[in-house]
């Protein structure tokens, strides 16, 4: 249920702009009930919906896509080509970044 992270981020963005669910839902072409279910993590958003949200809030599409539990196509292709190398590479990169902070 990784998409709960997306729902939390969406709620945070919406609230920071002072927009209610009922006001935002029609701007994103969904019902407020469906939007609420996405925010609560009950429903996984589609990639098209994620793109709409990214555009509306001027946020990074890839970050929102990953928070929603989707893997961007180019990253998916890399993982498919290098299934053993990719996890170790990511672990090393994160260890390097943590050492710099």
PDB file of N, CA and C in Angstrom:
ATOM      1  N   UNK A   1       0.826  -1.190   0.000  1.00  0.00           N
ATOM      2  CA  UNK A   1       0.000   0.000   0.000  1.00  0.00           C
ATOM      3  C   UNK A   1       0.874   1.259   0.000  1.00  0.00           C
ATOM      4  N   UNK A   2       1.875   1.242  -0.836  1.00  0.00           N
ATOM      5  CA  UNK A   2       2.797   2.366  -0.934  1.00  0.00           C
ATOM      6  C   UNK A   2       2.077   3.644  -1.359  1.00  0.00           C
ATOM      7  N   UNK A   3       0.963   3.509  -2.077  1.00  0.00           N
ATOM      8  CA  UNK A   3       0.261   4.685  -2.569  1.00  0.00           C
ATOM      9  C   UNK A   3      -0.294   5.562  -1.443  1.00  0.00           C
ATOM     10  N   UNK A   4      -0.249   5.073  -0.193  1.00  0.00           N
ATOM     11  CA  UNK A   4      -0.642   5.932   0.931  1.00  0.00           C
ATOM     12  C   UNK A   4       0.275   7.146   1.029  1.00  0.00           C
ATOM     13  N   UNK A   5       1.540   6.967   0.627  1.00  0.00           N
ATOM     14  CA  UNK A   5       2.478   8.088   0.636  1.00  0.00           C
ATOM     15  C   UNK A   5       2.020   9.180  -0.323  1.00  0.00           C
ATOM     16  N   UNK A   6       1.514   8.760  -1.479  1.00  0.00           N
ATOM     17  CA  UNK A   6       0.990   9.723  -2.441  1.00  0.00           C
ATOM     18  C   UNK A   6      -0.208  10.454  -1.856  1.00  0.00           C
ATOM     19  N   UNK A   7      -1.105   9.710  -1.229  1.00  0.00           N
ATOM     20  CA  UNK A   7      -2.299  10.312  -0.634  1.00  0.00           C
ATOM     21  C   UNK A   7      -1.946  11.352   0.421  1.00  0.00           C
ATOM     22  N   UNK A   8      -0.971  11.035   1.244  1.00  0.00           N
ATOM     23  CA  UNK A   8      -0.530  11.979   2.271  1.00  0.00           C
ATOM     24  C   UNK A   8       0.069  13.237   1.648  1.00  0.00           C
ATOM     25  N   UNK A   9       0.872  13.038   0.613  1.00  0.00           N
ATOM     26  CA  UNK A   9       1.484  14.172  -0.087  1.00  0.00           C
ATOM     27  C   UNK A   9       0.406  15.029  -0.744  1.00  0.00           C
ATOM     28  N   UNK A  10      -0.577  14.396  -1.359  1.00  0.00           N
ATOM     29  CA  UNK A  10      -1.662  15.121  -2.009  1.00  0.00           C
ATOM     30  C   UNK A  10      -2.441  15.957  -0.982  1.00  0.00           C
ATOM     31  N   UNK A  11      -2.760  15.357   0.138  1.00  0.00           N
ATOM     32  CA  UNK A  11      -3.483  16.084   1.190  1.00  0.00           C
ATOM     33  C   UNK A  11      -2.654  17.282   1.669  1.00  0.00           C
ATOM     34  N   UNK A  12      -1.373  17.057   1.876  1.00  0.00           N
ATOM     35  CA  UNK A  12      -0.479  18.133   2.315  1.00  0.00           C
ATOM     36  C   UNK A  12      -0.466  19.287   1.314  1.00  0.00           C
ATOM     37  N   UNK A  13      -0.345  18.969   0.026  1.00  0.00           N
ATOM     38  CA  UNK A  13      -0.321  20.007  -1.015  1.00  0.00           C
ATOM     39  C   UNK A  13      -1.653  20.753  -1.049  1.00  0.00           C
ATOM     40  N   UNK A  14      -2.742  20.000  -0.986  1.00  0.00           N
ATOM     41  CA  UNK A  14      -4.080  20.600  -1.041  1.00  0.00           C
ATOM     42  C   UNK A  14      -4.302  21.532   0.143  1.00  0.00           C
ATOM     43  N   UNK A  15      -3.979  21.047   1.330  1.00  0.00           N
ATOM     44  CA  UNK A  15      -4.194  21.854   2.522  1.00  0.00           C
ATOM     45  C   UNK A  15      -3.294  23.085   2.558  1.00  0.00           C
ATOM     46  N   UNK A  16      -2.081  22.950   2.059  1.00  0.00           N
ATOM     47  CA  UNK A  16      -1.171  24.104   2.061  1.00  0.00           C
ATOM     48  C   UNK A  16      -1.681  25.233   1.161  1.00  0.00           C
ATOM     49  N   UNK A  17      -2.516  24.867   0.180  1.00  0.00           N
ATOM     50  CA  UNK A  17      -3.108  25.873  -0.696  1.00  0.00           C
ATOM     51  C   UNK A  17      -4.492  26.303  -0.210  1.00  0.00           C
ATOM     52  N   UNK A  18      -4.956  25.694   0.893  1.00  0.00           N
ATOM     53  CA  UNK A  18      -6.260  26.053   1.449  1.00  0.00           C
ATOM     54  C   UNK A  18      -7.423  25.619   0.587  1.00  0.00           C
ATOM     55  N   UNK A  19      -7.270  24.497  -0.114  1.00  0.00           N
ATOM     56  CA  UNK A  19      -8.312  23.991  -1.014  1.00  0.00           C
ATOM     57  C   UNK A  19      -9.004  22.795  -0.361  1.00  0.00           C
ATOM     58  N   UNK A  20     -10.322  22.775  -0.388  1.00  0.00           N
ATOM     59  CA  UNK A  20     -11.065  21.631   0.153  1.00  0.00           C
ATOM     60  C   UNK A  20     -11.104  20.506  -0.887  1.00  0.00           C
ATOM     61  N   UNK A  21     -11.404  19.316  -0.396  1.00  0.00           N
ATOM     62  CA  UNK A  21     -11.552  18.175  -1.315  1.00  0.00           C
ATOM     63  C   UNK A  21     -12.668  18.457  -2.316  1.00  0.00           C
ATOM     64  N   UNK A  22     -13.760  19.016  -1.838  1.00  0.00           N
ATOM     65  CA  UNK A  22     -14.907  19.289  -2.718  1.00  0.00           C
ATOM     66  C   UNK A  22     -14.567  20.323  -3.789  1.00  0.00           C
ATOM     67  N   UNK A  23     -13.660  21.248  -3.484  1.00  0.00           N
ATOM     68  CA  UNK A  23     -13.257  22.237  -4.491  1.00  0.00           C
ATOM     69  C   UNK A  23     -12.226  21.679  -5.467  1.00  0.00           C
ATOM     70  N   UNK A  24     -11.331  20.820  -4.960  1.00  0.00           N
ATOM     71  CA  UNK A  24     -10.265  20.286  -5.815  1.00  0.00           C
ATOM     72  C   UNK A  24     -10.761  19.194  -6.763  1.00  0.00           C
ATOM     73  N   UNK A  25     -11.638  18.339  -6.286  1.00  0.00           N
ATOM     74  CA  UNK A  25     -12.080  17.179  -7.075  1.00  0.00           C
ATOM     75  C   UNK A  25     -12.528  17.538  -8.491  1.00  0.00           C
ATOM     76  N   UNK A  26     -13.424  18.514  -8.680  1.00  0.00           N
ATOM     77  CA  UNK A  26     -13.848  18.817 -10.057  1.00  0.00           C
ATOM     78  C   UNK A  26     -12.708  19.368 -10.924  1.00  0.00           C
ATOM     79  N   UNK A  27     -11.742  20.016 -10.302  1.00  0.00           N
ATOM     80  CA  UNK A  27     -10.600  20.527 -11.066  1.00  0.00           C
ATOM     81  C   UNK A  27      -9.727  19.391 -11.583  1.00  0.00           C
ATOM     82  N   UNK A  28      -9.801  18.234 -10.908  1.00  0.00           N
ATOM     83  CA  UNK A  28      -9.037  17.055 -11.325  1.00  0.00           C
ATOM     84  C   UNK A  28      -9.929  16.018 -12.015  1.00  0.00           C
ATOM     85  N   UNK A  29     -11.164  16.396 -12.295  1.00  0.00           N
ATOM     86  CA  UNK A  29     -12.129  15.553 -13.018  1.00  0.00           C
ATOM     87  C   UNK A  29     -12.457  14.239 -12.322  1.00  0.00           C
ATOM     88  N   UNK A  30     -12.563  14.278 -10.976  1.00  0.00           N
ATOM     89  CA  UNK A  30     -13.006  13.103 -10.228  1.00  0.00           C
ATOM     90  C   UNK A  30     -13.989  13.566  -9.152  1.00  0.00           C
ATOM     91  N   UNK A  31     -14.672  12.608  -8.533  1.00  0.00           N
ATOM     92  CA  UNK A  31     -15.591  12.949  -7.453  1.00  0.00           C
ATOM     93  C   UNK A  31     -14.802  13.203  -6.172  1.00  0.00           C
ATOM     94  N   UNK A  32     -15.412  13.962  -5.271  1.00  0.00           N
ATOM     95  CA  UNK A  32     -14.707  14.225  -4.011  1.00  0.00           C
ATOM     96  C   UNK A  32     -14.548  12.946  -3.197  1.00  0.00           C
ATOM     97  N   UNK A  33     -15.471  11.995  -3.350  1.00  0.00           N
ATOM     98  CA  UNK A  33     -15.365  10.714  -2.644  1.00  0.00           C
ATOM     99  C   UNK A  33     -14.141   9.944  -3.132  1.00  0.00           C
ATOM    100  N   UNK A  34     -13.953   9.923  -4.447  1.00  0.00           N
ATOM    101  CA  UNK A  34     -12.789   9.226  -5.008  1.00  0.00           C
ATOM    102  C   UNK A  34     -11.496   9.919  -4.573  1.00  0.00           C
ATOM    103  N   UNK A  35     -11.493  11.242  -4.589  1.00  0.00           N
ATOM    104  CA  UNK A  35     -10.312  11.991  -4.154  1.00  0.00           C
ATOM    105  C   UNK A  35     -10.009  11.699  -2.685  1.00  0.00           C
ATOM    106  N   UNK A  36     -11.023  11.650  -1.871  1.00  0.00           N
ATOM    107  CA  UNK A  36     -10.838  11.319  -0.457  1.00  0.00           C
ATOM    108  C   UNK A  36     -10.242   9.927  -0.301  1.00  0.00           C
ATOM    109  N   UNK A  37     -10.756   8.965  -1.072  1.00  0.00           N
ATOM    110  CA  UNK A  37     -10.237   7.592  -1.016  1.00  0.00           C
ATOM    111  C   UNK A  37      -8.773   7.522  -1.436  1.00  0.00           C
ATOM    112  N   UNK A  38      -8.368   8.346  -2.390  1.00  0.00           N
ATOM    113  CA  UNK A  38      -6.958   8.398  -2.797  1.00  0.00           C
ATOM    114  C   UNK A  38      -6.121   8.988  -1.670  1.00  0.00           C
ATOM    115  N   UNK A  39      -6.587  10.084  -1.089  1.00  0.00           N
ATOM    116  CA  UNK A  39      -5.845  10.713   0.003  1.00  0.00           C
ATOM    117  C   UNK A  39      -5.686   9.775   1.197  1.00  0.00           C
ATOM    118  N   UNK A  40      -6.702   8.983   1.477  1.00  0.00           N
ATOM    119  CA  UNK A  40      -6.648   8.063   2.609  1.00  0.00           C
ATOM    120  C   UNK A  40      -5.881   6.778   2.288  1.00  0.00           C
ATOM    121  N   UNK A  41      -5.500   6.598   1.024  1.00  0.00           N
ATOM    122  CA  UNK A  41      -4.741   5.415   0.631  1.00  0.00           C
ATOM    123  C   UNK A  41      -5.586   4.204   0.330  1.00  0.00           C
ATOM    124  N   UNK A  42      -6.903   4.392   0.211  1.00  0.00           N
ATOM    125  CA  UNK A  42      -7.790   3.274  -0.112  1.00  0.00           C
ATOM    126  C   UNK A  42      -7.768   2.938  -1.600  1.00  0.00           C
ATOM    127  N   UNK A  43      -7.470   3.935  -2.418  1.00  0.00           N
ATOM    128  CA  UNK A  43      -7.436   3.752  -3.874  1.00  0.00           C
ATOM    129  C   UNK A  43      -6.070   4.159  -4.395  1.00  0.00           C
ATOM    130  N   UNK A  44      -5.561   3.383  -5.330  1.00  0.00           N
ATOM    131  CA  UNK A  44      -4.282   3.704  -5.968  1.00  0.00           C
ATOM    132  C   UNK A  44      -4.567   4.596  -7.173  1.00  0.00           C
ATOM    133  N   UNK A  45      -3.919   5.743  -7.246  1.00  0.00           N
ATOM    134  CA  UNK A  45      -4.182   6.650  -8.369  1.00  0.00           C
ATOM    135  C   UNK A  45      -3.569   6.141  -9.674  1.00  0.00           C
ATOM    136  N   UNK A  46      -4.223   6.479 -10.770  1.00  0.00           N
ATOM    137  CA  UNK A  46      -3.688   6.126 -12.082  1.00  0.00           C
ATOM    138  C   UNK A  46      -2.544   7.078 -12.427  1.00  0.00           C
ATOM    139  N   UNK A  47      -1.739   6.680 -13.379  1.00  0.00           N
ATOM    140  CA  UNK A  47      -0.629   7.529 -13.828  1.00  0.00           C
ATOM    141  C   UNK A  47      -1.178   8.821 -14.434  1.00  0.00           C
ATOM    142  N   UNK A  48      -2.276   8.740 -15.158  1.00  0.00           N
ATOM    143  CA  UNK A  48      -2.881   9.951 -15.728  1.00  0.00           C
ATOM    144  C   UNK A  48      -3.303  10.919 -14.631  1.00  0.00           C
ATOM    145  N   UNK A  49      -3.896  10.386 -13.565  1.00  0.00           N
ATOM    146  CA  UNK A  49      -4.309  11.234 -12.450  1.00  0.00           C
ATOM    147  C   UNK A  49      -3.084  11.863 -11.779  1.00  0.00           C
ATOM    148  N   UNK A  50      -2.040  11.079 -11.596  1.00  0.00           N
ATOM    149  CA  UNK A  50      -0.806  11.589 -10.990  1.00  0.00           C
ATOM    150  C   UNK A  50      -0.256  12.742 -11.826  1.00  0.00           C
ATOM    151  N   UNK A  51      -0.278  12.582 -13.141  1.00  0.00           N
ATOM    152  CA  UNK A  51       0.198  13.646 -14.029  1.00  0.00           C
ATOM    153  C   UNK A  51      -0.650  14.909 -13.890  1.00  0.00           C
ATOM    154  N   UNK A  52      -1.961  14.749 -13.742  1.00  0.00           N
ATOM    155  CA  UNK A  52      -2.854  15.900 -13.538  1.00  0.00           C
ATOM    156  C   UNK A  52      -2.498  16.622 -12.237  1.00  0.00           C
ATOM    157  N   UNK A  53      -2.284  15.851 -11.188  1.00  0.00           N
ATOM    158  CA  UNK A  53      -1.946  16.419  -9.887  1.00  0.00           C
ATOM    159  C   UNK A  53      -0.612  17.161  -9.970  1.00  0.00           C
ATOM    160  N   UNK A  54       0.355  16.540 -10.618  1.00  0.00           N
ATOM    161  CA  UNK A  54       1.678  17.167 -10.756  1.00  0.00           C
ATOM    162  C   UNK A  54       1.573  18.494 -11.492  1.00  0.00           C
ATOM    163  N   UNK A  55       0.784  18.505 -12.547  1.00  0.00           N
ATOM    164  CA  UNK A  55       0.607  19.733 -13.312  1.00  0.00           C
ATOM    165  C   UNK A  55      -0.142  20.789 -12.499  1.00  0.00           C
ATOM    166  N   UNK A  56      -1.202  20.393 -11.830  1.00  0.00           N
ATOM    167  CA  UNK A  56      -2.011  21.338 -11.058  1.00  0.00           C
ATOM    168  C   UNK A  56      -1.202  21.996  -9.933  1.00  0.00           C
ATOM    169  N   UNK A  57      -0.414  21.185  -9.233  1.00  0.00           N
ATOM    170  CA  UNK A  57       0.354  21.696  -8.099  1.00  0.00           C
ATOM    171  C   UNK A  57       1.795  22.078  -8.470  1.00  0.00           C
ATOM    172  N   UNK A  58       2.144  21.911  -9.739  1.00  0.00           N
ATOM    173  CA  UNK A  58       3.500  22.213 -10.210  1.00  0.00           C
ATOM    174  C   UNK A  58       4.539  21.413  -9.413  1.00  0.00           C
ATOM    175  N   UNK A  59       4.323  20.109  -9.348  1.00  0.00           N
ATOM    176  CA  UNK A  59       5.200  19.201  -8.609  1.00  0.00           C
ATOM    177  C   UNK A  59       5.883  18.236  -9.564  1.00  0.00           C
ATOM    178  N   UNK A  60       6.907  17.570  -9.084  1.00  0.00           N
ATOM    179  CA  UNK A  60       7.679  16.615  -9.873  1.00  0.00           C
ATOM    180  C   UNK A  60       6.856  15.355 -10.159  1.00  0.00           C
ATOM    181  N   UNK A  61       6.638  15.048 -11.437  1.00  0.00           N
ATOM    182  CA  UNK A  61       5.825  13.890 -11.822  1.00  0.00           C
ATOM    183  C   UNK A  61       6.449  12.580 -11.365  1.00  0.00           C
ATOM    184  N   UNK A  62       7.767  12.467 -11.515  1.00  0.00           N
ATOM    185  CA  UNK A  62       8.414  11.207 -11.153  1.00  0.00           C
ATOM    186  C   UNK A  62       8.322  10.941  -9.651  1.00  0.00           C
ATOM    187  N   UNK A  63       8.523  11.973  -8.862  1.00  0.00           N
ATOM    188  CA  UNK A  63       8.427  11.799  -7.410  1.00  0.00           C
ATOM    189  C   UNK A  63       7.021  11.346  -7.020  1.00  0.00           C
ATOM    190  N   UNK A  64       6.007  12.002  -7.569  1.00  0.00           N
ATOM    191  CA  UNK A  64       4.629  11.621  -7.256  1.00  0.00           C
ATOM    192  C   UNK A  64       4.310  10.221  -7.765  1.00  0.00           C
ATOM    193  N   UNK A  65       4.837   9.876  -8.932  1.00  0.00           N
ATOM    194  CA  UNK A  65       4.616   8.540  -9.495  1.00  0.00           C
ATOM    195  C   UNK A  65       5.173   7.465  -8.574  1.00  0.00           C
ATOM    196  N   UNK A  66       6.369   7.702  -8.074  1.00  0.00           N
ATOM    197  CA  UNK A  66       6.998   6.732  -7.176  1.00  0.00           C
ATOM    198  C   UNK A  66       6.257   6.671  -5.848  1.00  0.00           C
ATOM    199  N   UNK A  67       5.856   7.818  -5.321  1.00  0.00           N
ATOM    200  CA  UNK A  67       5.092   7.829  -4.067  1.00  0.00           C
ATOM    201  C   UNK A  67       3.786   7.054  -4.208  1.00  0.00           C
ATOM    202  N   UNK A  68       3.233   7.044  -5.417  1.00  0.00           N
ATOM    203  CA  UNK A  68       1.971   6.337  -5.657  1.00  0.00           C
ATOM    204  C   UNK A  68       2.161   4.840  -5.883  1.00  0.00           C
ATOM    205  N   UNK A  69       3.406   4.394  -5.882  1.00  0.00           N
ATOM    206  CA  UNK A  69       3.663   2.967  -6.041  1.00  0.00           C
ATOM    207  C   UNK A  69       3.856   2.519  -7.470  1.00  0.00           C
ATOM    208  N   UNK A  70       3.993   3.462  -8.382  1.00  0.00           N
ATOM    209  CA  UNK A  70       4.274   3.147  -9.778  1.00  0.00           C
ATOM    210  C   UNK A  70       5.769   3.353 -10.026  1.00  0.00           C
ATOM    211  N   UNK A  71       6.297   2.677 -11.010  1.00  0.00           N
ATOM    212  CA  UNK A  71       7.693   2.863 -11.395  1.00  0.00           C
ATOM    213  C   UNK A  71       7.704   3.499 -12.778  1.00  0.00           C
ATOM    214  N   UNK A  72       8.380   4.637 -12.928  1.00  0.00           N
ATOM    215  CA  UNK A  72       8.463   5.262 -14.254  1.00  0.00           C
ATOM    216  C   UNK A  72       9.029   4.272 -15.280  1.00  0.00           C
ATOM    217  N   UNK A  73       8.552   4.364 -16.522  1.00  0.00           N
ATOM    218  CA  UNK A  73       8.911   3.401 -17.565  1.00  0.00           C
ATOM    219  C   UNK A  73      10.410   3.245 -17.765  1.00  0.00           C
ATOM    220  N   UNK A  74      11.144   4.368 -17.808  1.00  0.00           N
ATOM    221  CA  UNK A  74      12.577   4.250 -18.056  1.00  0.00           C
ATOM    222  C   UNK A  74      13.287   3.533 -16.910  1.00  0.00           C
ATOM    223  N   UNK A  75      12.841   3.756 -15.688  1.00  0.00           N
ATOM    224  CA  UNK A  75      13.442   3.070 -14.543  1.00  0.00           C
ATOM    225  C   UNK A  75      13.058   1.592 -14.564  1.00  0.00           C
ATOM    226  N   UNK A  76      11.839   1.304 -14.949  1.00  0.00           N
ATOM    227  CA  UNK A  76      11.385  -0.081 -15.051  1.00  0.00           C
ATOM    228  C   UNK A  76      12.231  -0.853 -16.062  1.00  0.00           C
ATOM    229  N   UNK A  77      12.561  -0.206 -17.178  1.00  0.00           N
ATOM    230  CA  UNK A  77      13.402  -0.845 -18.191  1.00  0.00           C
ATOM    231  C   UNK A  77      14.802  -1.119 -17.659  1.00  0.00           C
ATOM    232  N   UNK A  78      15.351  -0.180 -16.900  1.00  0.00           N
ATOM    233  CA  UNK A  78      16.680  -0.380 -16.302  1.00  0.00           C
ATOM    234  C   UNK A  78      16.647  -1.546 -15.323  1.00  0.00           C
ATOM    235  N   UNK A  79      15.619  -1.588 -14.493  1.00  0.00           N
ATOM    236  CA  UNK A  79      15.483  -2.679 -13.529  1.00  0.00           C
ATOM    237  C   UNK A  79      15.354  -4.029 -14.235  1.00  0.00           C
ATOM    238  N   UNK A  80      14.626  -4.053 -15.343  1.00  0.00           N
ATOM    239  CA  UNK A  80      14.447  -5.301 -16.089  1.00  0.00           C
ATOM    240  C   UNK A  80      15.763  -5.766 -16.719  1.00  0.00           C
ATOM    241  N   UNK A  81      16.568  -4.813 -17.169  1.00  0.00           N
ATOM    242  CA  UNK A  81      17.849  -5.160 -17.797  1.00  0.00           C
ATOM    243  C   UNK A  81      18.918  -5.526 -16.771  1.00  0.00           C
ATOM    244  N   UNK A  82      18.797  -4.972 -15.569  1.00  0.00           N
ATOM    245  CA  UNK A  82      19.821  -5.181 -14.541  1.00  0.00           C
ATOM    246  C   UNK A  82      19.185  -5.541 -13.193  1.00  0.00           C
ATOM    247  N   UNK A  83      18.446  -6.650 -13.142  1.00  0.00           N
ATOM    248  CA  UNK A  83      17.705  -6.966 -11.918  1.00  0.00           C
ATOM    249  C   UNK A  83      18.593  -7.233 -10.698  1.00  0.00           C
ATOM    250  N   UNK A  84      19.810  -7.690 -10.914  1.00  0.00           N
ATOM    251  CA  UNK A  84      20.690  -7.964  -9.776  1.00  0.00           C
ATOM    252  C   UNK A  84      21.509  -6.740  -9.383  1.00  0.00           C
ATOM    253  N   UNK A  85      21.862  -5.923 -10.354  1.00  0.00           N
ATOM    254  CA  UNK A  85      22.737  -4.782 -10.088  1.00  0.00           C
ATOM    255  C   UNK A  85      22.010  -3.574  -9.517  1.00  0.00           C
ATOM    256  N   UNK A  86      20.786  -3.343  -9.937  1.00  0.00           N
ATOM    257  CA  UNK A  86      20.073  -2.122  -9.558  1.00  0.00           C
ATOM    258  C   UNK A  86      19.889  -1.969  -8.044  1.00  0.00           C
ATOM    259  N   UNK A  87      19.426  -2.980  -7.314  1.00  0.00           N
ATOM    260  CA  UNK A  87      19.247  -2.786  -5.871  1.00  0.00           C
ATOM    261  C   UNK A  87      20.553  -2.437  -5.151  1.00  0.00           C
ATOM    262  N   UNK A  88      21.627  -3.134  -5.486  1.00  0.00           N
ATOM    263  CA  UNK A  88      22.913  -2.863  -4.836  1.00  0.00           C
ATOM    264  C   UNK A  88      23.413  -1.461  -5.177  1.00  0.00           C
ATOM    265  N   UNK A  89      23.228  -1.050  -6.418  1.00  0.00           N
ATOM    266  CA  UNK A  89      23.627   0.298  -6.831  1.00  0.00           C
ATOM    267  C   UNK A  89      22.879   1.358  -6.026  1.00  0.00           C
ATOM    268  N   UNK A  90      21.583   1.182  -5.876  1.00  0.00           N
ATOM    269  CA  UNK A  90      20.782   2.137  -5.115  1.00  0.00           C
ATOM    270  C   UNK A  90      21.207   2.179  -3.646  1.00  0.00           C
ATOM    271  N   UNK A  91      21.484   1.012  -3.077  1.00  0.00           N
ATOM    272  CA  UNK A  91      21.933   0.985  -1.680  1.00  0.00           C
ATOM    273  C   UNK A  91      23.243   1.756  -1.515  1.00  0.00           C
ATOM    274  N   UNK A  92      24.168   1.561  -2.438  1.00  0.00           N
ATOM    275  CA  UNK A  92      25.447   2.273  -2.382  1.00  0.00           C
ATOM    276  C   UNK A  92      25.252   3.773  -2.529  1.00  0.00           C
ATOM    277  N   UNK A  93      24.395   4.195  -3.454  1.00  0.00           N
ATOM    278  CA  UNK A  93      24.146   5.624  -3.667  1.00  0.00           C
ATOM    279  C   UNK A  93      23.556   6.268  -2.417  1.00  0.00           C
ATOM    280  N   UNK A  94      22.623   5.570  -1.757  1.00  0.00           N
ATOM    281  CA  UNK A  94      22.015   6.133  -0.558  1.00  0.00           C
ATOM    282  C   UNK A  94      23.009   6.198   0.584  1.00  0.00           C
ATOM    283  N   UNK A  95      23.898   5.209   0.692  1.00  0.00           N
ATOM    284  CA  UNK A  95      24.925   5.247   1.725  1.00  0.00           C
ATOM    285  C   UNK A  95      25.869   6.418   1.496  1.00  0.00           C
ATOM    286  N   UNK A  96      26.207   6.675   0.219  1.00  0.00           N
ATOM    287  CA  UNK A  96      27.063   7.820  -0.124  1.00  0.00           C
ATOM    288  C   UNK A  96      26.391   9.125   0.266  1.00  0.00           C
ATOM    289  N   UNK A  97      25.108   9.263  -0.056  1.00  0.00           N
ATOM    290  CA  UNK A  97      24.379  10.494   0.255  1.00  0.00           C
ATOM    291  C   UNK A  97      24.265  10.710   1.754  1.00  0.00           C
ATOM    292  N   UNK A  98      24.010   9.632   2.496  1.00  0.00           N
ATOM    293  CA  UNK A  98      23.897   9.762   3.946  1.00  0.00           C
ATOM    294  C   UNK A  98      25.219  10.195   4.558  1.00  0.00           C
ATOM    295  N   UNK A  99      26.322   9.760   3.968  1.00  0.00           N
ATOM    296  CA  UNK A  99      27.641  10.151   4.461  1.00  0.00           C
ATOM    297  C   UNK A  99      27.942  11.607   4.230  1.00  0.00           C
ATOM    298  N   UNK A 100      27.322  12.209   3.215  1.00  0.00           N
ATOM    299  CA  UNK A 100      27.538  13.621   2.889  1.00  0.00           C
ATOM    300  C   UNK A 100      26.683  14.558   3.740  1.00  0.00           C
ATOM    301  N   UNK A 101      25.643  14.035   4.334  1.00  0.00           N
ATOM    302  CA  UNK A 101      24.716  14.890   5.113  1.00  0.00           C
ATOM    303  C   UNK A 101      25.190  15.102   6.524  1.00  0.00           C
TER     304      UNK A 101
END
